[in-house]
Amino acid sequence: NYFMGEHRYFNQSWLSVDEDKTGQCRDSQVRDHAVSWLRNLSKSDGDQPWFVAVGFRKPHLSFASPRRFFDLYPANQTRLVDNPYA
């Protein structure tokens, strides 16, 4: 996996990755696994209640996200708000 090998620690705090080339980000893997559990549980005929907790480990440095999310907000069309604390 791209994220656990030589590229595990990035030199930048923001990074877009192409999951088709790198494999899924950890959060995408967690999401897909949770969705699979929910689909299976929703098909059950049981009358017992159930609960699923899903934990995502991000955000943390580095902020590596699938490229499709960065593409939603082109940098040349995005204006950051003024932040007196930054």
PDB file of N, CA and C in Angstrom:
ATOM      1  N   ASN A   1       0.838  -1.180   0.000  1.00  0.00           N
ATOM      2  CA  ASN A   1       0.000   0.000   0.000  1.00  0.00           C
ATOM      3  C   ASN A   1       0.882   1.241   0.000  1.00  0.00           C
ATOM      4  N   TYR A   2       0.541   2.188  -0.813  1.00  0.00           N
ATOM      5  CA  TYR A   2       1.292   3.434  -0.977  1.00  0.00           C
ATOM      6  C   TYR A   2       1.490   4.154   0.344  1.00  0.00           C
ATOM      7  N   PHE A   3       0.499   4.135   1.208  1.00  0.00           N
ATOM      8  CA  PHE A   3       0.535   4.920   2.435  1.00  0.00           C
ATOM      9  C   PHE A   3       1.359   4.271   3.537  1.00  0.00           C
ATOM     10  N   MET A   4       1.683   3.012   3.411  1.00  0.00           N
ATOM     11  CA  MET A   4       2.438   2.330   4.460  1.00  0.00           C
ATOM     12  C   MET A   4       3.881   2.047   4.029  1.00  0.00           C
ATOM     13  N   GLY A   5       4.224   2.369   2.794  1.00  0.00           N
ATOM     14  CA  GLY A   5       5.565   2.093   2.304  1.00  0.00           C
ATOM     15  C   GLY A   5       6.471   3.298   2.417  1.00  0.00           C
ATOM     16  N   GLU A   6       7.300   3.486   1.419  1.00  0.00           N
ATOM     17  CA  GLU A   6       8.297   4.556   1.459  1.00  0.00           C
ATOM     18  C   GLU A   6       7.665   5.946   1.487  1.00  0.00           C
ATOM     19  N   HIS A   7       6.415   6.072   1.071  1.00  0.00           N
ATOM     20  CA  HIS A   7       5.746   7.371   1.031  1.00  0.00           C
ATOM     21  C   HIS A   7       4.929   7.637   2.294  1.00  0.00           C
ATOM     22  N   ARG A   8       5.130   6.863   3.319  1.00  0.00           N
ATOM     23  CA  ARG A   8       4.298   6.980   4.520  1.00  0.00           C
ATOM     24  C   ARG A   8       4.389   8.370   5.149  1.00  0.00           C
ATOM     25  N   TYR A   9       5.549   8.946   5.195  1.00  0.00           N
ATOM     26  CA  TYR A   9       5.717  10.267   5.797  1.00  0.00           C
ATOM     27  C   TYR A   9       5.995  11.275   4.699  1.00  0.00           C
ATOM     28  N   PHE A  10       5.081  12.208   4.554  1.00  0.00           N
ATOM     29  CA  PHE A  10       5.178  13.173   3.469  1.00  0.00           C
ATOM     30  C   PHE A  10       5.886  14.431   3.948  1.00  0.00           C
ATOM     31  N   ASN A  11       6.455  15.168   3.018  1.00  0.00           N
ATOM     32  CA  ASN A  11       7.123  16.421   3.333  1.00  0.00           C
ATOM     33  C   ASN A  11       6.181  17.606   3.268  1.00  0.00           C
ATOM     34  N   GLN A  12       4.943  17.390   2.971  1.00  0.00           N
ATOM     35  CA  GLN A  12       3.971  18.464   2.903  1.00  0.00           C
ATOM     36  C   GLN A  12       2.768  18.101   3.761  1.00  0.00           C
ATOM     37  N   SER A  13       2.046  19.130   4.207  1.00  0.00           N
ATOM     38  CA  SER A  13       0.928  18.847   5.100  1.00  0.00           C
ATOM     39  C   SER A  13      -0.348  18.523   4.334  1.00  0.00           C
ATOM     40  N   TRP A  14      -0.458  18.950   3.064  1.00  0.00           N
ATOM     41  CA  TRP A  14      -1.643  18.647   2.255  1.00  0.00           C
ATOM     42  C   TRP A  14      -1.212  17.849   1.043  1.00  0.00           C
ATOM     43  N   LEU A  15      -1.965  16.821   0.726  1.00  0.00           N
ATOM     44  CA  LEU A  15      -1.609  15.979  -0.406  1.00  0.00           C
ATOM     45  C   LEU A  15      -2.868  15.370  -0.991  1.00  0.00           C
ATOM     46  N   SER A  16      -3.017  15.475  -2.299  1.00  0.00           N
ATOM     47  CA  SER A  16      -4.102  14.753  -2.955  1.00  0.00           C
ATOM     48  C   SER A  16      -3.498  13.499  -3.578  1.00  0.00           C
ATOM     49  N   VAL A  17      -4.192  12.414  -3.461  1.00  0.00           N
ATOM     50  CA  VAL A  17      -3.692  11.151  -3.996  1.00  0.00           C
ATOM     51  C   VAL A  17      -4.722  10.566  -4.948  1.00  0.00           C
ATOM     52  N   ASP A  18      -4.242   9.903  -5.956  1.00  0.00           N
ATOM     53  CA  ASP A  18      -5.096   9.222  -6.917  1.00  0.00           C
ATOM     54  C   ASP A  18      -5.246   7.781  -6.441  1.00  0.00           C
ATOM     55  N   GLU A  19      -6.377   7.488  -5.830  1.00  0.00           N
ATOM     56  CA  GLU A  19      -6.573   6.156  -5.248  1.00  0.00           C
ATOM     57  C   GLU A  19      -6.558   5.043  -6.296  1.00  0.00           C
ATOM     58  N   ASP A  20      -6.803   5.383  -7.562  1.00  0.00           N
ATOM     59  CA  ASP A  20      -6.711   4.367  -8.610  1.00  0.00           C
ATOM     60  C   ASP A  20      -5.264   3.897  -8.778  1.00  0.00           C
ATOM     61  N   LYS A  21      -4.308   4.796  -8.501  1.00  0.00           N
ATOM     62  CA  LYS A  21      -2.893   4.448  -8.645  1.00  0.00           C
ATOM     63  C   LYS A  21      -2.269   3.984  -7.335  1.00  0.00           C
ATOM     64  N   THR A  22      -2.710   4.544  -6.203  1.00  0.00           N
ATOM     65  CA  THR A  22      -2.055   4.273  -4.924  1.00  0.00           C
ATOM     66  C   THR A  22      -2.752   3.220  -4.087  1.00  0.00           C
ATOM     67  N   GLY A  23      -3.978   2.885  -4.430  1.00  0.00           N
ATOM     68  CA  GLY A  23      -4.797   2.063  -3.551  1.00  0.00           C
ATOM     69  C   GLY A  23      -5.568   3.001  -2.632  1.00  0.00           C
ATOM     70  N   GLN A  24      -6.520   2.461  -1.927  1.00  0.00           N
ATOM     71  CA  GLN A  24      -7.391   3.290  -1.104  1.00  0.00           C
ATOM     72  C   GLN A  24      -6.675   3.897   0.100  1.00  0.00           C
ATOM     73  N   CYS A  25      -7.048   5.132   0.421  1.00  0.00           N
ATOM     74  CA  CYS A  25      -6.620   5.748   1.668  1.00  0.00           C
ATOM     75  C   CYS A  25      -7.233   4.942   2.812  1.00  0.00           C
ATOM     76  N   ARG A  26      -6.640   5.032   3.978  1.00  0.00           N
ATOM     77  CA  ARG A  26      -7.140   4.293   5.134  1.00  0.00           C
ATOM     78  C   ARG A  26      -8.601   4.648   5.421  1.00  0.00           C
ATOM     79  N   ASP A  27      -8.968   5.924   5.350  1.00  0.00           N
ATOM     80  CA  ASP A  27     -10.349   6.316   5.622  1.00  0.00           C
ATOM     81  C   ASP A  27     -11.315   5.718   4.601  1.00  0.00           C
ATOM     82  N   SER A  28     -10.897   5.608   3.360  1.00  0.00           N
ATOM     83  CA  SER A  28     -11.750   4.989   2.344  1.00  0.00           C
ATOM     84  C   SER A  28     -11.948   3.505   2.647  1.00  0.00           C
ATOM     85  N   GLN A  29     -10.901   2.848   3.132  1.00  0.00           N
ATOM     86  CA  GLN A  29     -11.022   1.440   3.511  1.00  0.00           C
ATOM     87  C   GLN A  29     -11.993   1.275   4.676  1.00  0.00           C
ATOM     88  N   VAL A  30     -11.865   2.141   5.687  1.00  0.00           N
ATOM     89  CA  VAL A  30     -12.757   2.077   6.853  1.00  0.00           C
ATOM     90  C   VAL A  30     -14.192   2.321   6.417  1.00  0.00           C
ATOM     91  N   ARG A  31     -14.396   3.350   5.581  1.00  0.00           N
ATOM     92  CA  ARG A  31     -15.733   3.667   5.078  1.00  0.00           C
ATOM     93  C   ARG A  31     -16.350   2.465   4.358  1.00  0.00           C
ATOM     94  N   ASP A  32     -15.610   1.866   3.429  1.00  0.00           N
ATOM     95  CA  ASP A  32     -16.147   0.738   2.667  1.00  0.00           C
ATOM     96  C   ASP A  32     -16.470  -0.447   3.563  1.00  0.00           C
ATOM     97  N   HIS A  33     -15.627  -0.691   4.557  1.00  0.00           N
ATOM     98  CA  HIS A  33     -15.881  -1.792   5.483  1.00  0.00           C
ATOM     99  C   HIS A  33     -17.146  -1.525   6.304  1.00  0.00           C
ATOM    100  N   ALA A  34     -17.321  -0.289   6.765  1.00  0.00           N
ATOM    101  CA  ALA A  34     -18.508   0.075   7.545  1.00  0.00           C
ATOM    102  C   ALA A  34     -19.772  -0.042   6.693  1.00  0.00           C
ATOM    103  N   VAL A  35     -19.706   0.419   5.458  1.00  0.00           N
ATOM    104  CA  VAL A  35     -20.869   0.325   4.565  1.00  0.00           C
ATOM    105  C   VAL A  35     -21.231  -1.134   4.329  1.00  0.00           C
ATOM    106  N   SER A  36     -20.228  -1.979   4.168  1.00  0.00           N
ATOM    107  CA  SER A  36     -20.480  -3.409   3.982  1.00  0.00           C
ATOM    108  C   SER A  36     -21.198  -4.000   5.199  1.00  0.00           C
ATOM    109  N   TRP A  37     -20.723  -3.657   6.400  1.00  0.00           N
ATOM    110  CA  TRP A  37     -21.372  -4.133   7.629  1.00  0.00           C
ATOM    111  C   TRP A  37     -22.819  -3.649   7.694  1.00  0.00           C
ATOM    112  N   LEU A  38     -23.041  -2.380   7.399  1.00  0.00           N
ATOM    113  CA  LEU A  38     -24.401  -1.829   7.451  1.00  0.00           C
ATOM    114  C   LEU A  38     -25.323  -2.519   6.454  1.00  0.00           C
ATOM    115  N   ARG A  39     -24.828  -2.767   5.268  1.00  0.00           N
ATOM    116  CA  ARG A  39     -25.655  -3.467   4.261  1.00  0.00           C
ATOM    117  C   ARG A  39     -26.012  -4.868   4.734  1.00  0.00           C
ATOM    118  N   ASN A  40     -25.034  -5.577   5.299  1.00  0.00           N
ATOM    119  CA  ASN A  40     -25.299  -6.933   5.785  1.00  0.00           C
ATOM    120  C   ASN A  40     -26.265  -6.916   6.963  1.00  0.00           C
ATOM    121  N   LEU A  41     -26.066  -6.005   7.892  1.00  0.00           N
ATOM    122  CA  LEU A  41     -26.953  -5.933   9.052  1.00  0.00           C
ATOM    123  C   LEU A  41     -28.368  -5.539   8.665  1.00  0.00           C
ATOM    124  N   SER A  42     -28.510  -4.671   7.692  1.00  0.00           N
ATOM    125  CA  SER A  42     -29.853  -4.226   7.296  1.00  0.00           C
ATOM    126  C   SER A  42     -30.637  -5.331   6.606  1.00  0.00           C
ATOM    127  N   LYS A  43     -29.959  -6.342   6.101  1.00  0.00           N
ATOM    128  CA  LYS A  43     -30.621  -7.480   5.459  1.00  0.00           C
ATOM    129  C   LYS A  43     -31.041  -8.556   6.442  1.00  0.00           C
ATOM    130  N   SER A  44     -30.555  -8.472   7.680  1.00  0.00           N
ATOM    131  CA  SER A  44     -30.845  -9.531   8.647  1.00  0.00           C
ATOM    132  C   SER A  44     -32.322  -9.524   9.024  1.00  0.00           C
ATOM    133  N   ASP A  45     -32.837 -10.714   9.317  1.00  0.00           N
ATOM    134  CA  ASP A  45     -34.242 -10.872   9.682  1.00  0.00           C
ATOM    135  C   ASP A  45     -34.457 -10.778  11.184  1.00  0.00           C
ATOM    136  N   GLY A  46     -33.384 -10.608  11.930  1.00  0.00           N
ATOM    137  CA  GLY A  46     -33.495 -10.594  13.385  1.00  0.00           C
ATOM    138  C   GLY A  46     -34.281  -9.388  13.888  1.00  0.00           C
ATOM    139  N   ASP A  47     -34.836  -9.547  15.086  1.00  0.00           N
ATOM    140  CA  ASP A  47     -35.589  -8.443  15.667  1.00  0.00           C
ATOM    141  C   ASP A  47     -34.803  -7.756  16.777  1.00  0.00           C
ATOM    142  N   GLN A  48     -33.525  -8.104  16.886  1.00  0.00           N
ATOM    143  CA  GLN A  48     -32.676  -7.496  17.905  1.00  0.00           C
ATOM    144  C   GLN A  48     -32.073  -6.191  17.382  1.00  0.00           C
ATOM    145  N   PRO A  49     -32.052  -5.171  18.214  1.00  0.00           N
ATOM    146  CA  PRO A  49     -31.399  -3.935  17.782  1.00  0.00           C
ATOM    147  C   PRO A  49     -29.896  -4.146  17.634  1.00  0.00           C
ATOM    148  N   TRP A  50     -29.275  -3.319  16.845  1.00  0.00           N
ATOM    149  CA  TRP A  50     -27.841  -3.400  16.665  1.00  0.00           C
ATOM    150  C   TRP A  50     -27.259  -2.007  16.595  1.00  0.00           C
ATOM    151  N   PHE A  51     -25.961  -1.923  16.823  1.00  0.00           N
ATOM    152  CA  PHE A  51     -25.240  -0.655  16.825  1.00  0.00           C
ATOM    153  C   PHE A  51     -23.896  -0.861  16.158  1.00  0.00           C
ATOM    154  N   VAL A  52     -23.515   0.069  15.315  1.00  0.00           N
ATOM    155  CA  VAL A  52     -22.212   0.024  14.670  1.00  0.00           C
ATOM    156  C   VAL A  52     -21.502   1.342  14.946  1.00  0.00           C
ATOM    157  N   ALA A  53     -20.298   1.267  15.469  1.00  0.00           N
ATOM    158  CA  ALA A  53     -19.479   2.461  15.672  1.00  0.00           C
ATOM    159  C   ALA A  53     -18.337   2.416  14.664  1.00  0.00           C
ATOM    160  N   VAL A  54     -18.119   3.524  14.001  1.00  0.00           N
ATOM    161  CA  VAL A  54     -17.064   3.608  13.000  1.00  0.00           C
ATOM    162  C   VAL A  54     -16.145   4.756  13.385  1.00  0.00           C
ATOM    163  N   GLY A  55     -14.862   4.492  13.447  1.00  0.00           N
ATOM    164  CA  GLY A  55     -13.902   5.532  13.807  1.00  0.00           C
ATOM    165  C   GLY A  55     -12.955   5.834  12.670  1.00  0.00           C
ATOM    166  N   PHE A  56     -12.842   7.120  12.372  1.00  0.00           N
ATOM    167  CA  PHE A  56     -11.884   7.580  11.370  1.00  0.00           C
ATOM    168  C   PHE A  56     -10.718   8.226  12.095  1.00  0.00           C
ATOM    169  N   ARG A  57      -9.500   7.967  11.644  1.00  0.00           N
ATOM    170  CA  ARG A  57      -8.314   8.452  12.340  1.00  0.00           C
ATOM    171  C   ARG A  57      -7.871   9.834  11.885  1.00  0.00           C
ATOM    172  N   LYS A  58      -8.493  10.398  10.938  1.00  0.00           N
ATOM    173  CA  LYS A  58      -8.052  11.686  10.422  1.00  0.00           C
ATOM    174  C   LYS A  58      -9.046  12.739  10.839  1.00  0.00           C
ATOM    175  N   PRO A  59      -8.778  14.005  10.823  1.00  0.00           N
ATOM    176  CA  PRO A  59      -7.606  14.590  10.200  1.00  0.00           C
ATOM    177  C   PRO A  59      -6.393  14.575  11.112  1.00  0.00           C
ATOM    178  N   HIS A  60      -5.285  14.426  10.522  1.00  0.00           N
ATOM    179  CA  HIS A  60      -3.990  14.538  11.192  1.00  0.00           C
ATOM    180  C   HIS A  60      -2.967  14.823  10.107  1.00  0.00           C
ATOM    181  N   LEU A  61      -1.810  15.248  10.490  1.00  0.00           N
ATOM    182  CA  LEU A  61      -0.773  15.499   9.492  1.00  0.00           C
ATOM    183  C   LEU A  61      -0.206  14.173   9.030  1.00  0.00           C
ATOM    184  N   SER A  62       0.009  13.960   7.835  1.00  0.00           N
ATOM    185  CA  SER A  62      -0.321  14.837   6.734  1.00  0.00           C
ATOM    186  C   SER A  62      -1.781  14.629   6.325  1.00  0.00           C
ATOM    187  N   PHE A  63      -2.377  15.660   5.760  1.00  0.00           N
ATOM    188  CA  PHE A  63      -3.756  15.579   5.311  1.00  0.00           C
ATOM    189  C   PHE A  63      -3.761  15.021   3.898  1.00  0.00           C
ATOM    190  N   ALA A  64      -3.818  13.727   3.768  1.00  0.00           N
ATOM    191  CA  ALA A  64      -3.822  13.069   2.462  1.00  0.00           C
ATOM    192  C   ALA A  64      -5.237  12.622   2.168  1.00  0.00           C
ATOM    193  N   SER A  65      -5.791  13.135   1.079  1.00  0.00           N
ATOM    194  CA  SER A  65      -7.164  12.840   0.703  1.00  0.00           C
ATOM    195  C   SER A  65      -7.222  12.430  -0.750  1.00  0.00           C
ATOM    196  N   PRO A  66      -8.255  11.663  -1.098  1.00  0.00           N
ATOM    197  CA  PRO A  66      -8.411  11.305  -2.507  1.00  0.00           C
ATOM    198  C   PRO A  66      -8.503  12.561  -3.376  1.00  0.00           C
ATOM    199  N   ARG A  67      -7.875  12.519  -4.515  1.00  0.00           N
ATOM    200  CA  ARG A  67      -7.816  13.662  -5.435  1.00  0.00           C
ATOM    201  C   ARG A  67      -9.201  14.187  -5.795  1.00  0.00           C
ATOM    202  N   ARG A  68     -10.202  13.316  -5.878  1.00  0.00           N
ATOM    203  CA  ARG A  68     -11.531  13.762  -6.302  1.00  0.00           C
ATOM    204  C   ARG A  68     -12.098  14.818  -5.358  1.00  0.00           C
ATOM    205  N   PHE A  69     -11.686  14.811  -4.088  1.00  0.00           N
ATOM    206  CA  PHE A  69     -12.166  15.833  -3.163  1.00  0.00           C
ATOM    207  C   PHE A  69     -11.461  17.163  -3.399  1.00  0.00           C
ATOM    208  N   PHE A  70     -10.187  17.128  -3.738  1.00  0.00           N
ATOM    209  CA  PHE A  70      -9.468  18.358  -4.075  1.00  0.00           C
ATOM    210  C   PHE A  70     -10.017  18.951  -5.371  1.00  0.00           C
ATOM    211  N   ASP A  71     -10.399  18.083  -6.305  1.00  0.00           N
ATOM    212  CA  ASP A  71     -10.916  18.561  -7.590  1.00  0.00           C
ATOM    213  C   ASP A  71     -12.250  19.291  -7.455  1.00  0.00           C
ATOM    214  N   LEU A  72     -12.967  19.073  -6.364  1.00  0.00           N
ATOM    215  CA  LEU A  72     -14.238  19.776  -6.148  1.00  0.00           C
ATOM    216  C   LEU A  72     -14.029  21.269  -5.928  1.00  0.00           C
ATOM    217  N   TYR A  73     -12.840  21.649  -5.475  1.00  0.00           N
ATOM    218  CA  TYR A  73     -12.544  23.039  -5.128  1.00  0.00           C
ATOM    219  C   TYR A  73     -11.234  23.463  -5.780  1.00  0.00           C
ATOM    220  N   PRO A  74     -11.280  23.855  -7.065  1.00  0.00           N
ATOM    221  CA  PRO A  74     -10.039  24.252  -7.741  1.00  0.00           C
ATOM    222  C   PRO A  74      -9.341  25.383  -6.985  1.00  0.00           C
ATOM    223  N   ALA A  75      -8.038  25.278  -6.810  1.00  0.00           N
ATOM    224  CA  ALA A  75      -7.280  26.252  -6.025  1.00  0.00           C
ATOM    225  C   ALA A  75      -7.408  27.663  -6.585  1.00  0.00           C
ATOM    226  N   ASN A  76      -7.473  27.791  -7.914  1.00  0.00           N
ATOM    227  CA  ASN A  76      -7.559  29.128  -8.501  1.00  0.00           C
ATOM    228  C   ASN A  76      -8.952  29.744  -8.378  1.00  0.00           C
ATOM    229  N   GLN A  77      -9.918  28.965  -7.867  1.00  0.00           N
ATOM    230  CA  GLN A  77     -11.267  29.479  -7.662  1.00  0.00           C
ATOM    231  C   GLN A  77     -11.665  29.479  -6.185  1.00  0.00           C
ATOM    232  N   THR A  78     -10.717  29.205  -5.326  1.00  0.00           N
ATOM    233  CA  THR A  78     -10.996  29.102  -3.896  1.00  0.00           C
ATOM    234  C   THR A  78     -10.321  30.256  -3.161  1.00  0.00           C
ATOM    235  N   ARG A  79     -11.092  30.939  -2.340  1.00  0.00           N
ATOM    236  CA  ARG A  79     -10.550  32.035  -1.539  1.00  0.00           C
ATOM    237  C   ARG A  79     -10.636  31.661  -0.072  1.00  0.00           C
ATOM    238  N   LEU A  80      -9.535  31.714   0.619  1.00  0.00           N
ATOM    239  CA  LEU A  80      -9.522  31.434   2.048  1.00  0.00           C
ATOM    240  C   LEU A  80     -10.025  32.653   2.804  1.00  0.00           C
ATOM    241  N   VAL A  81     -10.794  32.428   3.826  1.00  0.00           N
ATOM    242  CA  VAL A  81     -11.270  33.539   4.658  1.00  0.00           C
ATOM    243  C   VAL A  81     -10.119  34.055   5.508  1.00  0.00           C
ATOM    244  N   ASP A  82     -10.216  35.326   5.871  1.00  0.00           N
ATOM    245  CA  ASP A  82      -9.196  35.894   6.751  1.00  0.00           C
ATOM    246  C   ASP A  82      -9.249  35.188   8.095  1.00  0.00           C
ATOM    247  N   ASN A  83      -8.069  34.885   8.630  1.00  0.00           N
ATOM    248  CA  ASN A  83      -7.980  34.209   9.903  1.00  0.00           C
ATOM    249  C   ASN A  83      -6.935  34.937  10.748  1.00  0.00           C
ATOM    250  N   PRO A  84      -7.387  35.682  11.771  1.00  0.00           N
ATOM    251  CA  PRO A  84      -6.416  36.424  12.569  1.00  0.00           C
ATOM    252  C   PRO A  84      -5.495  35.535  13.394  1.00  0.00           C
ATOM    253  N   TYR A  85      -5.789  34.245  13.493  1.00  0.00           N
ATOM    254  CA  TYR A  85      -4.982  33.341  14.312  1.00  0.00           C
ATOM    255  C   TYR A  85      -3.964  32.561  13.487  1.00  0.00           C
ATOM    256  N   ALA A  86      -4.019  32.727  12.166  1.00  0.00           N
ATOM    257  CA  ALA A  86      -3.106  31.960  11.301  1.00  0.00           C
ATOM    258  C   ALA A  86      -1.973  32.822  10.816  1.00  0.00           C
TER     259      ALA A  86
END
